Amino acid sequence: KRYAVSVTPAVAALIDPADEADPIARQFIPAPAELTTLPEELADPIGDEANSPVEGVVHRYLDRALLKLVHACPVYCRFCFRREMVGPGGDALTGDKLDAAFAYLTSRPEIWEVIMTGGDPLILSARRVREVAKRLAAIPHIKVARWHTRVPMVQPERITEDYARALRIPGKASYIAVHANHPREFTADSKAALARLADAGHVLISQSVLLKGVNADIETLSALMRAFVENRVKPYYLHHPDLAPGTAHFRLSLAEGQALVKSLRGNLSGLCQPTYILDIPGGAGKIPVGR
């Protein structure tokens, strides 16, 4: 009743029902611990609302802005920092609201990069994606477009060759940030989806969350980063868990996370090194916290 739940067939097939500590299940299957909210937890832990000049746009950093195209996802991560805002039937940004968002992006020449997020923007149809791409292509000061998504890992059948082409934005550098947290998410189908995106000309980068009981050990984290690199995805961000309500059971201490990142530097290729970051609560932005 409190938080959205959705598990795709691709994710369900990865869950081991005999393992009570299964790291895939822990990411997507709801648990009673989610109903425990600590005093320091926040409904909007990274300050989206305070930095939203118009609906659908978050402008926290000078040279880049988020465009939140949709508030629904194919799966709902139990640790999501937007868990109070997303869910089935979440309104997509359309009509006058979409026009207002693009008017804002057009009016701010300092915006060099636009990051499409949500929700997960890759649940949109190829037609809708092409419409967004066309409108972004018409804004001359925007040079870089980035899509943030879990779809290639949790619903890889959506990433057809046509869909991969639809995500390209004419005249802009195209990046796709792929979210995965465990090496088992790299199935044959997800690897094929990543290959279709890379072959279509997108630069692939990663984002992961450091999660207790999922990937907070050196063996799993190393295997995850290597899996990214082996599939042409450059490790980018490793997030310290945000202070979202009901997520304390996922959080480890900053010192524990720093020790893990230090071990990565000592054992893995430079290609496999993500930036360990903390999103300061309240909207002050991301800072690197690896040592």
Protein backbone atom coordinates (compact mmCIF):
# COMPACT_ATOMS: atom_id res chain seq x y z
CA LYS A 1 0.00 0.00 0.00
CA ARG A 2 2.86 2.41 0.74
CA TYR A 3 5.35 1.86 -2.11
CA ALA A 4 5.09 0.73 -5.71
CA VAL A 5 6.03 -2.87 -6.59
CA SER A 6 6.84 -4.27 -10.02
CA VAL A 7 9.05 -7.17 -11.09
CA THR A 8 9.61 -7.98 -14.75
CA PRO A 9 9.84 -11.59 -16.01
CA ALA A 10 13.55 -11.06 -16.69
CA VAL A 11 14.15 -10.10 -13.06
CA ALA A 12 11.88 -12.84 -11.66
CA ALA A 13 13.88 -15.44 -13.58
CA LEU A 14 17.05 -14.35 -11.76
CA ILE A 15 15.65 -14.75 -8.24
CA ASP A 16 16.60 -17.89 -6.34
CA PRO A 17 13.53 -18.68 -4.19
CA ALA A 18 15.60 -21.04 -2.03
CA ASP A 19 17.97 -18.25 -1.00
CA GLU A 20 16.47 -16.01 1.69
CA ALA A 21 19.34 -13.55 1.15
CA ASP A 22 19.14 -13.53 -2.64
CA PRO A 23 20.70 -10.21 -3.80
CA ILE A 24 18.33 -9.83 -6.75
CA ALA A 25 15.24 -10.39 -4.60
CA ARG A 26 16.59 -7.92 -2.04
CA GLN A 27 16.63 -5.18 -4.68
CA PHE A 28 13.06 -5.67 -5.94
CA ILE A 29 10.89 -7.70 -3.52
CA PRO A 30 9.31 -5.59 -0.75
CA ALA A 31 10.27 -6.25 2.87
CA PRO A 32 8.67 -5.20 6.18
CA ALA A 33 11.83 -3.20 7.02
CA GLU A 34 10.68 -0.61 4.46
CA LEU A 35 7.95 0.49 6.84
CA THR A 36 10.51 1.68 9.39
CA THR A 37 11.34 5.33 8.78
CA LEU A 38 14.22 6.90 10.70
CA PRO A 39 14.18 10.55 11.82
CA GLU A 40 16.97 11.52 9.42
CA GLU A 41 15.25 10.04 6.35
CA LEU A 42 13.62 12.40 3.86
CA ALA A 43 10.79 12.10 1.34
CA ASP A 44 12.92 14.09 -1.13
CA PRO A 45 16.45 13.22 0.03
CA ILE A 46 18.39 14.97 -2.76
CA GLY A 47 16.23 18.09 -3.02
CA ASP A 48 14.57 17.65 -6.42
CA GLU A 49 11.58 19.78 -5.48
CA ALA A 50 13.63 22.71 -4.20
CA ASN A 51 15.54 22.86 -7.50
CA SER A 52 12.60 22.47 -9.90
CA PRO A 53 11.88 25.75 -11.70
CA VAL A 54 9.09 24.18 -13.77
CA GLU A 55 7.39 20.80 -13.53
CA GLY A 56 9.57 18.05 -14.96
CA VAL A 57 12.86 19.98 -14.82
CA VAL A 58 15.44 19.87 -12.02
CA HIS A 59 18.22 22.45 -12.42
CA ARG A 60 20.65 21.83 -9.57
CA TYR A 61 23.95 22.36 -11.41
CA LEU A 62 24.73 25.33 -13.66
CA ASP A 63 25.55 23.50 -16.91
CA ARG A 64 23.10 20.59 -16.78
CA ALA A 65 19.48 19.86 -16.02
CA LEU A 66 17.28 16.83 -15.47
CA LEU A 67 14.23 16.28 -17.65
CA LYS A 68 11.87 13.93 -15.79
CA LEU A 69 9.78 12.57 -18.64
CA VAL A 70 7.80 9.94 -16.75
CA HIS A 71 7.16 8.86 -13.15
CA ALA A 72 6.82 5.12 -13.74
CA CYS A 73 9.39 2.32 -14.07
CA PRO A 74 9.42 -1.28 -15.30
CA VAL A 75 10.69 -2.30 -11.84
CA TYR A 76 10.73 -0.45 -8.53
CA CYS A 77 13.98 -0.59 -6.59
CA ARG A 78 13.38 -0.97 -2.87
CA PHE A 79 16.12 1.62 -2.15
CA CYS A 80 14.92 4.25 -4.67
CA PHE A 81 15.53 7.86 -3.62
CA ARG A 82 12.38 8.89 -5.53
CA ARG A 83 10.21 6.13 -4.04
CA GLU A 84 7.71 8.66 -2.66
CA MET A 85 7.18 10.10 -6.16
CA VAL A 86 7.12 7.17 -8.60
CA GLY A 87 4.64 4.38 -9.22
CA PRO A 88 2.22 2.74 -11.66
CA GLY A 89 0.13 5.27 -13.53
CA GLY A 90 2.57 8.06 -12.77
CA ASP A 91 1.88 10.98 -15.07
CA ALA A 92 4.12 11.37 -18.09
CA LEU A 93 5.29 14.86 -18.99
CA THR A 94 3.09 15.77 -21.96
CA GLY A 95 1.22 18.65 -23.57
CA ASP A 96 1.57 22.07 -21.97
CA LYS A 97 3.81 20.70 -19.21
CA LEU A 98 6.29 19.29 -21.71
CA ASP A 99 6.16 22.55 -23.68
CA ALA A 100 6.94 24.51 -20.51
CA ALA A 101 9.86 22.22 -19.68
CA PHE A 102 11.36 22.68 -23.16
CA ALA A 103 10.74 26.42 -23.00
CA TYR A 104 12.82 26.54 -19.82
CA LEU A 105 15.64 24.46 -21.35
CA THR A 106 15.62 26.71 -24.43
CA SER A 107 15.73 29.89 -22.35
CA ARG A 108 18.82 28.93 -20.35
CA PRO A 109 21.93 29.04 -22.59
CA GLU A 110 24.13 27.80 -19.74
CA ILE A 111 22.53 24.35 -19.97
CA TRP A 112 25.06 22.26 -21.91
CA GLU A 113 23.73 18.80 -20.97
CA VAL A 114 20.24 17.40 -20.45
CA ILE A 115 19.70 14.18 -18.51
CA MET A 116 16.49 12.28 -19.25
CA THR A 117 15.26 10.50 -16.16
CA GLY A 118 12.09 9.84 -14.22
CA GLY A 119 10.94 7.17 -13.43
CA ASP A 120 12.63 5.40 -16.30
CA PRO A 121 12.40 7.23 -19.64
CA LEU A 122 13.01 4.05 -21.64
CA ILE A 123 9.50 2.82 -20.86
CA LEU A 124 8.33 5.41 -23.39
CA SER A 125 7.52 4.29 -26.92
CA ALA A 126 10.02 4.77 -29.72
CA ARG A 127 7.67 7.39 -31.18
CA ARG A 128 7.68 9.43 -27.97
CA VAL A 129 11.45 9.07 -27.65
CA ARG A 130 11.91 10.38 -31.19
CA GLU A 131 9.71 13.38 -30.39
CA VAL A 132 11.85 14.24 -27.38
CA ALA A 133 15.02 13.72 -29.42
CA LYS A 134 13.77 16.05 -32.17
CA ARG A 135 12.98 18.81 -29.68
CA LEU A 136 16.35 18.51 -27.95
CA ALA A 137 18.14 18.54 -31.30
CA ALA A 138 16.59 21.95 -32.02
CA ILE A 139 18.20 23.62 -28.97
CA PRO A 140 21.65 24.75 -30.11
CA HIS A 141 23.31 25.30 -26.72
CA ILE A 142 22.57 21.73 -25.58
CA LYS A 143 25.49 19.61 -26.73
CA VAL A 144 25.13 16.43 -24.65
CA ALA A 145 22.10 14.23 -24.00
CA ARG A 146 22.10 11.49 -21.39
CA TRP A 147 19.43 8.84 -20.74
CA HIS A 148 19.32 7.19 -17.29
CA THR A 149 17.77 3.73 -17.29
CA ARG A 150 17.47 0.22 -15.90
CA VAL A 151 15.59 -1.12 -18.93
CA PRO A 152 18.53 -2.87 -20.68
CA MET A 153 19.06 -4.97 -17.55
CA VAL A 154 15.49 -5.60 -16.39
CA GLN A 155 13.47 -5.52 -19.64
CA PRO A 156 16.10 -6.08 -22.34
CA GLU A 157 13.59 -7.11 -25.00
CA ARG A 158 12.55 -3.44 -25.27
CA ILE A 159 15.96 -2.50 -26.65
CA THR A 160 15.50 -3.40 -30.28
CA GLU A 161 17.80 -2.00 -32.98
CA ASP A 162 15.05 0.47 -33.91
CA TYR A 163 14.65 1.62 -30.31
CA ALA A 164 18.41 2.04 -29.93
CA ARG A 165 18.41 4.29 -33.00
CA ALA A 166 15.42 6.26 -31.68
CA LEU A 167 17.46 7.24 -28.61
CA ARG A 168 20.03 9.05 -30.74
CA ILE A 169 19.68 12.81 -30.79
CA PRO A 170 20.88 14.43 -34.02
CA GLY A 171 23.87 16.69 -33.56
CA LYS A 172 24.33 15.84 -29.87
CA ALA A 173 26.70 13.50 -28.06
CA SER A 174 24.57 10.63 -26.80
CA TYR A 175 25.24 8.91 -23.46
CA ILE A 176 23.24 6.20 -21.73
CA ALA A 177 23.75 5.62 -18.00
CA VAL A 178 22.92 1.99 -17.26
CA HIS A 179 21.91 1.06 -13.71
CA ALA A 180 22.95 -2.38 -12.43
CA ASN A 181 23.97 -3.48 -8.95
CA HIS A 182 24.90 -7.15 -9.19
CA PRO A 183 26.87 -9.17 -11.77
CA ARG A 184 24.02 -11.69 -12.12
CA GLU A 185 22.02 -8.95 -13.83
CA PHE A 186 24.28 -9.40 -16.87
CA THR A 187 22.29 -12.12 -18.59
CA ALA A 188 22.70 -13.10 -22.24
CA ASP A 189 19.67 -10.95 -23.10
CA SER A 190 20.89 -7.88 -21.18
CA LYS A 191 24.34 -8.20 -22.74
CA ALA A 192 22.72 -8.28 -26.18
CA ALA A 193 20.68 -5.16 -25.33
CA LEU A 194 23.83 -3.32 -24.24
CA ALA A 195 25.55 -4.36 -27.46
CA ARG A 196 22.67 -2.96 -29.54
CA LEU A 197 22.96 0.37 -27.73
CA ALA A 198 26.73 0.54 -28.14
CA ASP A 199 26.53 -0.48 -31.80
CA ALA A 200 23.97 2.29 -32.39
CA GLY A 201 26.60 4.85 -31.38
CA HIS A 202 25.75 5.56 -27.76
CA VAL A 203 28.47 5.93 -25.15
CA LEU A 204 27.52 3.70 -22.22
CA ILE A 205 28.36 4.62 -18.64
CA SER A 206 27.27 2.96 -15.40
CA GLN A 207 25.58 3.90 -12.20
CA SER A 208 25.28 1.59 -9.21
CA VAL A 209 24.28 1.94 -5.58
CA LEU A 210 26.41 0.41 -2.85
CA LEU A 211 23.92 -1.78 -1.00
CA LYS A 212 24.29 -3.93 2.08
CA GLY A 213 23.32 -7.51 1.26
CA VAL A 214 23.60 -6.91 -2.51
CA ASN A 215 27.08 -5.78 -3.55
CA ALA A 216 28.87 -4.46 -0.44
CA ASP A 217 31.75 -6.91 -0.62
CA ILE A 218 34.89 -6.77 -2.71
CA GLU A 219 34.22 -9.96 -4.72
CA THR A 220 30.75 -8.90 -5.87
CA LEU A 221 31.71 -5.29 -6.48
CA SER A 222 34.76 -6.31 -8.50
CA ALA A 223 32.73 -8.72 -10.62
CA LEU A 224 30.12 -6.01 -11.22
CA MET A 225 32.64 -3.44 -12.42
CA ARG A 226 34.36 -5.97 -14.66
CA ALA A 227 30.99 -6.99 -16.13
CA PHE A 228 30.33 -3.37 -17.05
CA VAL A 229 33.70 -2.97 -18.77
CA GLU A 230 33.40 -6.30 -20.59
CA ASN A 231 30.12 -5.04 -22.07
CA ARG A 232 31.44 -1.63 -23.19
CA VAL A 233 29.98 0.25 -20.21
CA LYS A 234 32.45 2.59 -18.49
CA PRO A 235 31.99 2.58 -14.68
CA TYR A 236 30.91 6.09 -13.73
CA TYR A 237 29.08 6.54 -10.41
CA LEU A 238 28.95 4.31 -7.35
CA HIS A 239 26.36 5.96 -5.11
CA HIS A 240 26.41 5.88 -1.34
CA PRO A 241 22.79 5.06 -0.40
CA ASP A 242 20.54 8.11 -0.05
CA LEU A 243 18.43 8.85 3.03
CA ALA A 244 15.18 7.71 1.44
CA PRO A 245 12.41 6.59 3.80
CA GLY A 246 12.49 2.93 4.78
CA THR A 247 15.93 2.17 3.33
CA ALA A 248 18.11 1.94 6.45
CA HIS A 249 18.52 -1.83 6.01
CA PHE A 250 20.46 -1.16 2.78
CA ARG A 251 22.84 1.43 4.17
CA LEU A 252 26.42 0.85 5.27
CA SER A 253 28.70 3.44 6.81
CA LEU A 254 30.72 5.84 4.69
CA ALA A 255 33.92 4.35 6.16
CA GLU A 256 32.86 0.86 5.05
CA GLY A 257 32.18 2.13 1.56
CA GLN A 258 35.50 3.94 1.37
CA ALA A 259 37.33 0.76 2.39
CA LEU A 260 35.64 -1.16 -0.43
CA VAL A 261 36.50 1.50 -3.01
CA LYS A 262 40.11 1.52 -1.81
CA SER A 263 40.24 -2.25 -2.34
CA LEU A 264 38.92 -1.80 -5.89
CA ARG A 265 41.79 0.55 -6.67
CA GLY A 266 44.27 -2.02 -5.48
CA ASN A 267 42.84 -4.96 -7.41
CA LEU A 268 41.18 -3.83 -10.64
CA SER A 269 42.12 -2.16 -13.90
CA GLY A 270 41.75 1.59 -14.07
CA LEU A 271 38.90 1.05 -16.53
CA CYS A 272 36.91 -0.57 -13.71
CA GLN A 273 37.09 2.31 -11.22
CA PRO A 274 33.84 4.19 -10.52
CA THR A 275 33.65 7.49 -8.66
CA TYR A 276 32.22 6.89 -5.19
CA ILE A 277 29.82 9.73 -4.49
CA LEU A 278 27.52 11.05 -1.80
CA ASP A 279 24.50 13.14 -2.75
CA ILE A 280 24.35 15.67 0.06
CA PRO A 281 20.85 15.63 1.59
CA GLY A 282 18.67 18.61 0.76
CA GLY A 283 19.94 19.34 -2.74
CA ALA A 284 23.51 20.57 -2.26
CA GLY A 285 24.68 18.12 -4.93
CA LYS A 286 27.10 15.24 -5.37
CA ILE A 287 30.57 15.11 -3.89
CA PRO A 288 33.22 12.40 -4.38
CA VAL A 289 33.93 10.60 -1.11
CA GLY A 290 36.39 7.90 -2.18
CA ARG A 291 39.82 8.05 -0.57
